[in-house]
């Protein structure tokens, strides 16, 4: 089983209330291999919500509100689901403050990317789950 960002499967759970469906992610679901997760929603954040970015170990919204606890709670719940379903890999939404893998926005809300992982991606990696961004999906099919 593969943990998959729910927005990549067509769920309108992104901060802006939209989805980002990806055909290969949807193929995983059709094959019965996808476990959908939205860490932000699992952490208790509403949809829609203000955009958030990582600032070091913290996560802040564009209005200055700190939401680190919600992001950590969502990451822990995503990890729990990954373990429950025996997921050995995850396909997550690139650049997201929770799901980004390798590159995330830098916390200035200027559109600048920096090296790093989202809160959920980092926790999954720390626990031995291989994390891919959606641009790497073909590696799993």
Protein backbone atom coordinates (compact mmCIF):
# COMPACT_ATOMS: atom_id res chain seq x y z
CA UNK A 1 0.00 0.00 0.00
CA UNK A 2 1.08 3.55 -0.73
CA UNK A 3 0.14 6.64 1.26
CA UNK A 4 -1.05 9.34 -1.19
CA UNK A 5 -1.85 13.02 -0.69
CA UNK A 6 -5.63 13.19 -1.00
CA UNK A 7 -5.44 16.32 -3.18
CA UNK A 8 -3.58 14.26 -5.81
CA UNK A 9 -6.53 11.86 -5.88
CA UNK A 10 -9.01 14.67 -6.59
CA UNK A 11 -10.11 15.51 -3.05
CA UNK A 12 -10.70 19.26 -2.68
CA UNK A 13 -8.68 19.54 0.53
CA UNK A 14 -5.92 22.02 -0.35
CA UNK A 15 -5.65 25.31 1.52
CA UNK A 16 -7.56 27.04 -1.29
CA UNK A 17 -10.34 24.45 -1.32
CA UNK A 18 -9.09 22.99 -4.59
CA UNK A 19 -7.56 19.67 -5.60
CA UNK A 20 -4.57 18.84 -7.78
CA UNK A 21 -5.58 15.52 -9.37
CA UNK A 22 -2.72 13.56 -10.89
CA UNK A 23 -3.54 10.77 -13.35
CA UNK A 24 -0.86 8.40 -12.04
CA UNK A 25 -1.97 8.91 -8.43
CA UNK A 26 -5.52 8.19 -9.51
CA UNK A 27 -4.23 5.02 -11.21
CA UNK A 28 -2.80 3.86 -7.87
CA UNK A 29 -6.25 4.36 -6.35
CA UNK A 30 -7.94 2.44 -9.18
CA UNK A 31 -5.55 -0.45 -8.50
CA UNK A 32 -6.55 -0.38 -4.82
CA UNK A 33 -3.04 0.62 -3.71
CA UNK A 34 -3.65 4.16 -2.40
CA UNK A 35 -4.32 5.21 1.19
CA UNK A 36 -5.48 8.85 0.90
CA UNK A 37 -4.37 11.36 3.52
CA UNK A 38 -4.54 15.11 4.01
CA UNK A 39 -2.27 15.84 6.98
CA UNK A 40 -3.60 19.39 7.35
CA UNK A 41 -7.17 18.15 7.73
CA UNK A 42 -6.02 15.27 9.95
CA UNK A 43 -4.36 17.88 12.15
CA UNK A 44 -7.62 19.77 12.57
CA UNK A 45 -7.23 22.60 10.06
CA UNK A 46 -10.28 23.64 8.01
CA UNK A 47 -10.64 23.75 4.24
CA UNK A 48 -10.27 26.34 2.93
CA UNK A 49 -7.61 27.86 5.17
CA UNK A 50 -4.93 30.52 4.96
CA UNK A 51 -1.75 29.48 3.15
CA UNK A 52 1.02 28.19 5.42
CA UNK A 53 4.78 27.87 5.01
CA UNK A 54 7.62 26.40 7.04
CA UNK A 55 9.97 28.71 8.91
CA UNK A 56 12.61 26.40 10.24
CA UNK A 57 10.88 23.99 12.59
CA UNK A 58 7.75 26.15 12.78
CA UNK A 59 4.78 26.40 10.41
CA UNK A 60 3.03 29.76 10.11
CA UNK A 61 0.05 31.05 8.17
CA UNK A 62 0.31 34.14 6.00
CA UNK A 63 -1.51 36.09 8.75
CA UNK A 64 1.26 35.21 11.24
CA UNK A 65 -0.67 32.57 13.16
CA UNK A 66 1.49 29.61 14.18
CA UNK A 67 0.02 26.23 13.23
CA UNK A 68 2.99 23.98 14.03
CA UNK A 69 0.97 21.87 16.48
CA UNK A 70 -1.72 21.16 13.88
CA UNK A 71 0.89 20.16 11.29
CA UNK A 72 2.65 17.87 13.75
CA UNK A 73 -0.65 16.29 14.80
CA UNK A 74 -1.52 15.68 11.14
CA UNK A 75 1.91 14.18 10.47
CA UNK A 76 1.55 11.81 13.41
CA UNK A 77 -1.88 10.72 12.19
CA UNK A 78 -0.55 10.17 8.65
CA UNK A 79 2.23 8.02 10.11
CA UNK A 80 -0.32 6.07 12.16
CA UNK A 81 -2.36 5.38 9.01
CA UNK A 82 0.77 4.39 7.08
CA UNK A 83 1.60 1.85 9.77
CA UNK A 84 -1.99 0.62 10.03
CA UNK A 85 -2.13 -0.10 6.29
CA UNK A 86 1.44 -1.34 5.96
CA UNK A 87 2.52 1.46 3.63
CA UNK A 88 6.17 1.30 2.61
CA UNK A 89 6.03 4.39 0.38
CA UNK A 90 4.22 7.70 0.11
CA UNK A 91 3.43 9.98 -2.82
CA UNK A 92 2.99 13.49 -1.51
CA UNK A 93 2.20 16.94 -2.93
CA UNK A 94 5.40 18.74 -3.76
CA UNK A 95 6.26 22.10 -2.12
CA UNK A 96 3.61 21.71 0.59
CA UNK A 97 4.53 22.66 4.19
CA UNK A 98 3.33 19.23 5.25
CA UNK A 99 3.89 17.02 2.21
CA UNK A 100 6.76 18.70 0.34
CA UNK A 101 9.70 16.41 -0.36
CA UNK A 102 13.09 18.03 -0.92
CA UNK A 103 11.81 21.55 -1.66
CA UNK A 104 9.36 23.72 0.28
CA UNK A 105 8.46 27.40 0.34
CA UNK A 106 10.82 29.36 2.58
CA UNK A 107 8.33 30.98 4.96
CA UNK A 108 8.42 34.47 3.43
CA UNK A 109 5.29 33.97 1.30
CA UNK A 110 7.25 35.32 -1.67
CA UNK A 111 7.12 32.13 -3.76
CA UNK A 112 10.76 31.33 -2.94
CA UNK A 113 11.64 27.65 -2.59
CA UNK A 114 14.32 26.28 -0.29
CA UNK A 115 15.74 22.85 0.40
CA UNK A 116 13.78 20.90 2.97
CA UNK A 117 10.84 18.63 3.64
CA UNK A 118 7.34 19.26 4.86
CA UNK A 119 6.43 18.17 8.38
CA UNK A 120 4.71 14.95 7.29
CA UNK A 121 7.31 14.04 4.66
CA UNK A 122 10.09 14.43 7.23
CA UNK A 123 8.31 12.28 9.83
CA UNK A 124 7.56 9.53 7.31
CA UNK A 125 11.20 9.49 6.17
CA UNK A 126 12.41 9.34 9.78
CA UNK A 127 10.26 6.24 10.19
CA UNK A 128 11.58 4.39 7.15
CA UNK A 129 8.85 5.20 4.64
CA UNK A 130 10.14 6.13 1.19
CA UNK A 131 8.68 9.47 0.15
CA UNK A 132 8.16 10.60 -3.45
CA UNK A 133 6.78 13.81 -4.90
CA UNK A 134 4.08 13.58 -7.55
CA UNK A 135 6.66 14.26 -10.29
CA UNK A 136 8.31 10.96 -9.31
CA UNK A 137 5.14 8.86 -9.47
CA UNK A 138 6.22 6.88 -12.51
CA UNK A 139 8.88 5.22 -10.32
CA UNK A 140 6.09 3.41 -8.47
CA UNK A 141 4.12 2.14 -11.48
